Every structure is written in structure tokens, then in C-alpha cells.
């Protein structure tokens, strides 16, 4: 089993590029390799779940920095992905901060 896809969700695994390609290479690769959306049944639920965090991150970036806001939102959504409910994920990550720093 591939550790990047622990639930056997992989149906295309590129063999010729690094594990996490960087922009713009990742965009060019995706355009050339993927001709249909992957896991379309997850799109709506995913975007609905993360929408409040995106909104929060944009607001937070104005008060702190984009790096800090991205770290917060990434940490929160990571915890959601690990099974934590969104409110607890938010409270957990906020609890890690001291003076707007981790």
C-alpha cells in the first residue's frame, strides 16, 4: 500500500516525477496526465468543509502574515483529515499559538 494513499485511493501513480512536484511543474504535469477529475464525488464535501477555514485564513493573513495563516489553516485541515471535528481542530491549533506565533 502506498503511504500517500492509505485508503487504497490511488488509481494513477506517476513513476517519473518527485513525490511532491513544485509549481509550475505540478500544474504542467497535471494538465498533461490527468484528463478527468480525480475523485469527483469528494469535491463538493471537501470544498464545503474547508470554506470556513479558507475565509478564516484570508482574514488571519491580514492581521499576521500569509505564512502564519497558511500554517494555521493547513494544521487545522490536517487535523480534520486525521478525524478531528472542525471546531476541535480550530481550538487545538489556536491553543498552540503564543502571541500569534507557534
C-alpha atoms as a PDB file:
ATOM      1  CA  UNK A   1       0.000   0.000   0.000  1.00  0.00           C
ATOM      2  CA  UNK A   2       1.261   3.474  -0.875  1.00  0.00           C
ATOM      3  CA  UNK A   3       1.652   5.625   2.295  1.00  0.00           C
ATOM      4  CA  UNK A   4       0.389   8.685   0.407  1.00  0.00           C
ATOM      5  CA  UNK A   5      -2.898   6.911  -0.284  1.00  0.00           C
ATOM      6  CA  UNK A   6      -3.580   4.867   2.857  1.00  0.00           C
ATOM      7  CA  UNK A   7      -7.144   4.014   1.848  1.00  0.00           C
ATOM      8  CA  UNK A   8      -6.201   2.463  -1.468  1.00  0.00           C
ATOM      9  CA  UNK A   9      -7.444   5.573  -3.291  1.00  0.00           C
ATOM     10  CA  UNK A  10      -4.675   5.686  -5.863  1.00  0.00           C
ATOM     11  CA  UNK A  11      -5.600   4.891  -9.394  1.00  0.00           C
ATOM     12  CA  UNK A  12      -2.760   6.732 -11.057  1.00  0.00           C
ATOM     13  CA  UNK A  13       0.732   6.799  -9.619  1.00  0.00           C
ATOM     14  CA  UNK A  14       3.282   8.661 -11.734  1.00  0.00           C
ATOM     15  CA  UNK A  15       6.659   6.994 -11.835  1.00  0.00           C
ATOM     16  CA  UNK A  16       8.770   9.752 -13.370  1.00  0.00           C
ATOM     17  CA  UNK A  17       8.414  12.745 -11.044  1.00  0.00           C
ATOM     18  CA  UNK A  18       9.263  13.582  -7.442  1.00  0.00           C
ATOM     19  CA  UNK A  19       6.800  12.799  -4.694  1.00  0.00           C
ATOM     20  CA  UNK A  20       5.582  16.418  -4.386  1.00  0.00           C
ATOM     21  CA  UNK A  21       6.367  18.396  -7.546  1.00  0.00           C
ATOM     22  CA  UNK A  22       6.597  22.155  -7.257  1.00  0.00           C
ATOM     23  CA  UNK A  23       4.606  24.759  -9.171  1.00  0.00           C
ATOM     24  CA  UNK A  24       4.678  25.280 -12.164  1.00  0.00           C
ATOM     25  CA  UNK A  25       5.870  21.729 -12.869  1.00  0.00           C
ATOM     26  CA  UNK A  26       2.964  20.256 -10.914  1.00  0.00           C
ATOM     27  CA  UNK A  27       0.450  22.265 -12.950  1.00  0.00           C
ATOM     28  CA  UNK A  28       2.064  21.251 -16.245  1.00  0.00           C
ATOM     29  CA  UNK A  29       2.191  17.594 -15.172  1.00  0.00           C
ATOM     30  CA  UNK A  30      -1.450  17.573 -14.092  1.00  0.00           C
ATOM     31  CA  UNK A  31      -2.572  19.188 -17.341  1.00  0.00           C
ATOM     32  CA  UNK A  32      -0.719  16.573 -19.385  1.00  0.00           C
ATOM     33  CA  UNK A  33      -1.533  13.493 -17.316  1.00  0.00           C
ATOM     34  CA  UNK A  34      -4.990  13.903 -15.843  1.00  0.00           C
ATOM     35  CA  UNK A  35      -7.764  14.101 -18.387  1.00  0.00           C
ATOM     36  CA  UNK A  36     -10.649  13.793 -15.915  1.00  0.00           C
ATOM     37  CA  UNK A  37     -11.229  14.962 -12.339  1.00  0.00           C
ATOM     38  CA  UNK A  38      -9.941  12.604  -9.672  1.00  0.00           C
ATOM     39  CA  UNK A  39     -12.490  11.537  -7.042  1.00  0.00           C
ATOM     40  CA  UNK A  40     -15.271  13.892  -8.223  1.00  0.00           C
ATOM     41  CA  UNK A  41     -17.595  12.570  -5.512  1.00  0.00           C
ATOM     42  CA  UNK A  42     -15.326  14.191  -2.879  1.00  0.00           C
ATOM     43  CA  UNK A  43     -15.181  17.667  -4.434  1.00  0.00           C
ATOM     44  CA  UNK A  44     -18.323  19.276  -3.014  1.00  0.00           C
ATOM     45  CA  UNK A  45     -17.910  17.919   0.514  1.00  0.00           C
ATOM     46  CA  UNK A  46     -14.223  18.860   0.571  1.00  0.00           C
ATOM     47  CA  UNK A  47     -14.776  22.430  -0.597  1.00  0.00           C
ATOM     48  CA  UNK A  48     -17.708  22.890   1.784  1.00  0.00           C
ATOM     49  CA  UNK A  49     -15.672  21.611   4.737  1.00  0.00           C
ATOM     50  CA  UNK A  50     -12.665  23.821   4.081  1.00  0.00           C
ATOM     51  CA  UNK A  51     -14.572  27.000   3.097  1.00  0.00           C
ATOM     52  CA  UNK A  52     -14.729  28.428   6.628  1.00  0.00           C
ATOM     53  CA  UNK A  53     -11.023  27.763   7.087  1.00  0.00           C
ATOM     54  CA  UNK A  54     -10.142  29.497   3.828  1.00  0.00           C
ATOM     55  CA  UNK A  55     -12.214  32.507   4.897  1.00  0.00           C
ATOM     56  CA  UNK A  56     -10.551  32.454   8.312  1.00  0.00           C
ATOM     57  CA  UNK A  57      -7.079  32.168   6.755  1.00  0.00           C
ATOM     58  CA  UNK A  58      -7.614  35.160   4.480  1.00  0.00           C
ATOM     59  CA  UNK A  59      -8.767  37.247   7.442  1.00  0.00           C
ATOM     60  CA  UNK A  60      -5.895  35.970   9.611  1.00  0.00           C
ATOM     61  CA  UNK A  61      -3.329  36.812   6.919  1.00  0.00           C
ATOM     62  CA  UNK A  62      -4.322  40.484   7.104  1.00  0.00           C
ATOM     63  CA  UNK A  63      -3.614  40.526  10.845  1.00  0.00           C
ATOM     64  CA  UNK A  64      -0.471  38.356  10.836  1.00  0.00           C
ATOM     65  CA  UNK A  65       1.230  37.060   7.687  1.00  0.00           C
ATOM     66  CA  UNK A  66       0.375  34.739   4.833  1.00  0.00           C
ATOM     67  CA  UNK A  67       2.899  32.199   6.105  1.00  0.00           C
ATOM     68  CA  UNK A  68       1.325  32.143   9.552  1.00  0.00           C
ATOM     69  CA  UNK A  69      -2.215  31.973   8.159  1.00  0.00           C
ATOM     70  CA  UNK A  70      -1.309  29.117   5.811  1.00  0.00           C
ATOM     71  CA  UNK A  71       0.337  27.219   8.660  1.00  0.00           C
ATOM     72  CA  UNK A  72      -2.782  27.612  10.792  1.00  0.00           C
ATOM     73  CA  UNK A  73      -5.209  26.577   8.087  1.00  0.00           C
ATOM     74  CA  UNK A  74      -3.006  23.688   6.962  1.00  0.00           C
ATOM     75  CA  UNK A  75      -2.707  22.433  10.541  1.00  0.00           C
ATOM     76  CA  UNK A  76      -6.461  22.703  11.096  1.00  0.00           C
ATOM     77  CA  UNK A  77      -7.359  20.894   7.901  1.00  0.00           C
ATOM     78  CA  UNK A  78      -4.705  18.257   8.596  1.00  0.00           C
ATOM     79  CA  UNK A  79      -6.330  17.548  11.951  1.00  0.00           C
ATOM     80  CA  UNK A  80      -9.725  17.311  10.258  1.00  0.00           C
ATOM     81  CA  UNK A  81      -8.202  14.804   7.859  1.00  0.00           C
ATOM     82  CA  UNK A  82      -6.999  12.798  10.857  1.00  0.00           C
ATOM     83  CA  UNK A  83     -10.598  12.597  12.087  1.00  0.00           C
ATOM     84  CA  UNK A  84     -10.936  15.595  14.393  1.00  0.00           C
ATOM     85  CA  UNK A  85     -14.129  17.626  14.090  1.00  0.00           C
ATOM     86  CA  UNK A  86     -13.635  21.134  12.609  1.00  0.00           C
ATOM     87  CA  UNK A  87     -14.379  23.062  15.817  1.00  0.00           C
ATOM     88  CA  UNK A  88     -11.934  20.994  17.876  1.00  0.00           C
ATOM     89  CA  UNK A  89      -9.299  21.327  15.140  1.00  0.00           C
ATOM     90  CA  UNK A  90      -9.685  25.101  15.240  1.00  0.00           C
ATOM     91  CA  UNK A  91      -9.455  25.233  19.058  1.00  0.00           C
ATOM     92  CA  UNK A  92      -6.464  22.880  19.079  1.00  0.00           C
ATOM     93  CA  UNK A  93      -4.401  24.890  16.603  1.00  0.00           C
ATOM     94  CA  UNK A  94      -5.327  28.179  18.276  1.00  0.00           C
ATOM     95  CA  UNK A  95      -4.183  26.691  21.603  1.00  0.00           C
ATOM     96  CA  UNK A  96      -0.725  26.109  20.106  1.00  0.00           C
ATOM     97  CA  UNK A  97      -0.210  29.819  19.486  1.00  0.00           C
ATOM     98  CA  UNK A  98       1.544  32.253  21.787  1.00  0.00           C
ATOM     99  CA  UNK A  99       1.454  35.893  20.675  1.00  0.00           C
ATOM    100  CA  UNK A 100       0.420  34.909  17.128  1.00  0.00           C
ATOM    101  CA  UNK A 101       3.365  32.502  16.811  1.00  0.00           C
ATOM    102  CA  UNK A 102       3.696  28.736  17.024  1.00  0.00           C
END
